[in-house]
Amino acid sequence: MKLPEFTIQLPEWVAEYVDQSPPIFPEIEDRMDFAIDLSRKNIEHQTGGPFGAVIFDAAGHLIAPGVNMVIPANCSILHAEMVAIALAQKVLNRFDISDGGRLNFDLFATTEPCAMCFGAIPWSGVRRLVCGARKEDAQAIGFDEGPKPENWTTALSDRGIAVIRDVCREKAAAILNDYVNSGGLIYNPDLKSINS
């Protein structure tokens, strides 16, 4: 049996967009606006779902962007956060992007992490998670965010990962609504048939 290969290839428009971006994003809102713009463009280009994520260093230099590519790649793990983390690990050439805690990197996500992305964050080396929309905003349009601890922010904080919520929340939530209002596919597993 010939085994398939697995590569992560961002949509072509992402490279051009990144090339036109400033070399540094000084403010936290600038960084979130960039992630939100990625999610908006992902919808406009019809290259995935309404989620964007970016890894920045502590000074605001962009390390790796990520967009949701679940549908076009037929791969449920290609959430924006997972893509950004994986690409940052490749850019920095280490699975722990903090290099044993010596360096600080932030993950900006347009929506709070689902259960899968929440689980990946502690293993990535990210030292701060900055979120736009809330879980409730994603669930309001039909996405299943999965089981996550009620006190998930404390769980990350206990591992040395700071969490900041609601940065540009209205803008980020508006992208979710734009997606569903434009007929975007809400891709959840059919858990009812699995549990029957």
Protein backbone atom coordinates (compact mmCIF):
# COMPACT_ATOMS: atom_id res chain seq x y z
CA MET A 1 0.00 0.00 0.00
CA LYS A 2 1.34 3.40 -0.96
CA LEU A 3 0.76 5.73 1.96
CA PRO A 4 -0.54 9.23 1.23
CA GLU A 5 1.54 12.30 1.96
CA PHE A 6 0.36 15.07 4.25
CA THR A 7 1.44 18.65 3.64
CA ILE A 8 -0.02 21.96 4.71
CA GLN A 9 -0.20 24.41 1.86
CA LEU A 10 -1.88 27.74 2.55
CA PRO A 11 -4.08 29.17 -0.20
CA GLU A 12 -2.06 31.18 -2.74
CA TRP A 13 -3.62 34.52 -1.79
CA VAL A 14 -2.15 34.30 1.74
CA ALA A 15 1.47 34.78 0.59
CA GLU A 16 0.58 37.90 -1.38
CA TYR A 17 -1.40 39.30 1.53
CA VAL A 18 1.44 38.63 3.99
CA ASP A 19 3.96 40.23 1.60
CA GLN A 20 1.88 43.43 1.57
CA SER A 21 1.70 43.57 5.37
CA PRO A 22 3.77 45.81 7.62
CA PRO A 23 6.97 44.30 9.05
CA ILE A 24 5.73 44.74 12.61
CA PHE A 25 2.30 44.91 14.24
CA PRO A 26 2.88 47.13 17.29
CA GLU A 27 -0.53 46.97 18.98
CA ILE A 28 -2.58 44.00 20.10
CA GLU A 29 -5.55 45.27 18.08
CA ASP A 30 -3.38 45.50 14.95
CA ARG A 31 -2.46 41.85 15.34
CA MET A 32 -6.06 40.78 15.85
CA ASP A 33 -7.21 42.90 12.90
CA PHE A 34 -4.68 41.03 10.75
CA ALA A 35 -6.08 37.66 11.89
CA ILE A 36 -9.63 38.90 11.26
CA ASP A 37 -8.64 40.06 7.77
CA LEU A 38 -7.27 36.57 7.08
CA SER A 39 -10.61 35.03 8.08
CA ARG A 40 -12.52 37.53 5.93
CA LYS A 41 -10.32 36.89 2.89
CA ASN A 42 -10.63 33.14 3.42
CA ILE A 43 -14.38 33.51 2.96
CA GLU A 44 -14.04 35.90 0.01
CA HIS A 45 -11.66 33.53 -1.79
CA GLN A 46 -13.79 30.51 -0.82
CA THR A 47 -10.73 28.71 0.52
CA GLY A 48 -12.12 27.62 3.88
CA GLY A 49 -14.09 28.49 6.97
CA PRO A 50 -14.44 31.80 8.82
CA PHE A 51 -11.43 31.48 11.12
CA GLY A 52 -7.97 33.00 11.10
CA ALA A 53 -4.98 32.68 13.41
CA VAL A 54 -1.47 34.10 13.53
CA ILE A 55 1.67 33.43 15.55
CA PHE A 56 3.56 36.62 16.43
CA ASP A 57 6.74 37.07 18.42
CA ALA A 58 6.63 39.31 21.49
CA ALA A 59 7.65 42.38 19.45
CA GLY A 60 4.83 41.89 16.93
CA HIS A 61 6.72 40.28 14.04
CA LEU A 62 4.56 37.84 12.12
CA ILE A 63 5.95 34.32 12.34
CA ALA A 64 3.19 32.26 10.67
CA PRO A 65 -0.37 32.87 9.50
CA GLY A 66 -3.12 30.27 9.50
CA VAL A 67 -6.57 30.00 7.99
CA ASN A 68 -9.19 27.33 8.32
CA MET A 69 -8.84 24.78 5.50
CA VAL A 70 -11.07 21.95 6.73
CA ILE A 71 -13.41 21.78 3.73
CA PRO A 72 -11.02 22.29 0.79
CA ALA A 73 -8.45 19.88 2.30
CA ASN A 74 -11.04 17.37 3.57
CA CYS A 75 -9.15 17.34 6.86
CA SER A 76 -10.87 18.07 10.18
CA ILE A 77 -7.64 19.04 11.96
CA LEU A 78 -6.84 21.97 9.67
CA HIS A 79 -8.31 24.63 11.93
CA ALA A 80 -6.65 28.05 11.65
CA GLU A 81 -4.87 27.69 15.01
CA MET A 82 -3.50 24.24 14.14
CA VAL A 83 -2.24 25.52 10.79
CA ALA A 84 -0.57 28.59 12.34
CA ILE A 85 1.08 26.50 15.06
CA ALA A 86 2.32 23.84 12.62
CA LEU A 87 3.72 26.43 10.22
CA ALA A 88 5.41 28.37 13.05
CA GLN A 89 7.06 25.15 14.18
CA LYS A 90 8.37 24.65 10.64
CA VAL A 91 9.52 28.28 10.30
CA LEU A 92 11.35 28.14 13.65
CA ASN A 93 12.48 24.52 13.14
CA ARG A 94 11.38 23.29 16.57
CA PHE A 95 8.28 21.63 18.01
CA ASP A 96 8.47 23.87 21.10
CA ILE A 97 8.41 27.31 19.57
CA SER A 98 9.37 28.85 22.94
CA ASP A 99 12.68 26.96 22.80
CA GLY A 100 12.33 25.60 26.32
CA GLY A 101 10.60 28.72 27.63
CA ARG A 102 13.36 31.14 26.54
CA LEU A 103 11.24 32.91 23.91
CA ASN A 104 7.71 34.30 23.96
CA PHE A 105 5.26 33.81 21.11
CA ASP A 106 1.59 34.76 20.94
CA LEU A 107 -1.22 32.95 19.17
CA PHE A 108 -3.93 35.31 17.93
CA ALA A 109 -7.16 33.48 17.07
CA THR A 110 -10.27 35.10 15.67
CA THR A 111 -12.40 32.81 17.85
CA GLU A 112 -11.71 31.08 21.16
CA PRO A 113 -10.17 27.65 20.60
CA CYS A 114 -12.30 24.57 20.12
CA ALA A 115 -11.52 21.47 22.16
CA MET A 116 -8.89 20.25 19.65
CA CYS A 117 -7.06 23.56 19.38
CA PHE A 118 -7.22 24.06 23.14
CA GLY A 119 -5.46 20.71 23.53
CA ALA A 120 -2.71 21.64 21.07
CA ILE A 121 -1.82 25.00 22.61
CA PRO A 122 0.12 23.76 25.68
CA TRP A 123 2.28 21.47 23.52
CA SER A 124 3.13 24.21 21.02
CA GLY A 125 5.22 26.53 23.18
CA VAL A 126 2.80 29.45 22.82
CA ARG A 127 3.03 31.72 25.88
CA ARG A 128 -0.03 33.91 25.25
CA LEU A 129 -3.36 33.26 23.55
CA VAL A 130 -5.36 36.27 22.35
CA CYS A 131 -8.94 35.60 21.24
CA GLY A 132 -11.50 37.65 19.33
CA ALA A 133 -14.96 36.07 19.20
CA ARG A 134 -16.17 33.77 21.94
CA LYS A 135 -17.20 30.13 21.80
CA GLU A 136 -20.80 31.28 22.09
CA ASP A 137 -20.43 33.33 18.89
CA ALA A 138 -19.28 30.26 16.94
CA GLN A 139 -21.98 28.07 18.46
CA ALA A 140 -24.64 30.67 17.65
CA ILE A 141 -24.09 30.05 13.93
CA GLY A 142 -24.00 26.26 14.39
CA PHE A 143 -20.38 25.22 14.96
CA ASP A 144 -19.73 22.49 17.55
CA GLU A 145 -16.75 23.61 19.62
CA GLY A 146 -16.43 20.28 21.44
CA PRO A 147 -15.96 19.50 25.12
CA LYS A 148 -13.56 21.87 26.83
CA PRO A 149 -13.07 22.48 30.57
CA GLU A 150 -15.36 25.19 31.95
CA ASN A 151 -12.29 26.91 33.42
CA TRP A 152 -10.16 26.54 30.29
CA THR A 153 -8.48 29.94 30.71
CA THR A 154 -7.31 28.96 34.20
CA ALA A 155 -6.09 25.61 32.88
CA LEU A 156 -3.89 27.42 30.36
CA SER A 157 -2.78 30.00 32.91
CA ASP A 158 -1.71 27.17 35.24
CA ARG A 159 0.61 26.03 32.42
CA GLY A 160 2.14 29.50 32.02
CA ILE A 161 -0.01 30.58 29.06
CA ALA A 162 -1.74 33.93 29.49
CA VAL A 163 -5.18 34.33 27.90
CA ILE A 164 -6.72 37.59 26.71
CA ARG A 165 -10.31 37.44 25.47
CA ASP A 166 -12.67 39.70 23.54
CA VAL A 167 -10.06 41.62 21.52
CA CYS A 168 -12.03 43.07 18.58
CA ARG A 169 -14.83 40.63 19.47
CA GLU A 170 -17.53 42.43 17.50
CA LYS A 171 -15.44 42.43 14.30
CA ALA A 172 -14.52 38.78 14.73
CA ALA A 173 -18.11 37.72 15.46
CA ALA A 174 -19.31 39.69 12.42
CA ILE A 175 -17.10 37.50 10.19
CA LEU A 176 -18.79 34.39 11.59
CA ASN A 177 -22.20 35.86 10.80
CA ASP A 178 -21.07 36.93 7.32
CA TYR A 179 -19.96 33.37 6.65
CA VAL A 180 -23.24 31.75 7.61
CA ASN A 181 -25.32 34.48 5.93
CA SER A 182 -23.42 33.92 2.66
CA GLY A 183 -24.28 30.21 2.74
CA GLY A 184 -21.01 28.97 4.22
CA LEU A 185 -21.04 25.30 5.19
CA ILE A 186 -21.18 24.53 8.91
CA TYR A 187 -19.11 21.35 9.05
CA ASN A 188 -19.88 19.32 12.16
CA PRO A 189 -19.73 15.54 12.45
CA ASP A 190 -23.07 13.76 12.64
CA LEU A 191 -22.72 12.76 16.28
CA LYS A 192 -26.39 11.78 16.52
CA SER A 193 -25.91 8.85 14.14
CA ILE A 194 -22.67 7.86 15.90
CA ASN A 195 -24.35 7.81 19.32
CA SER A 196 -27.48 5.91 18.12
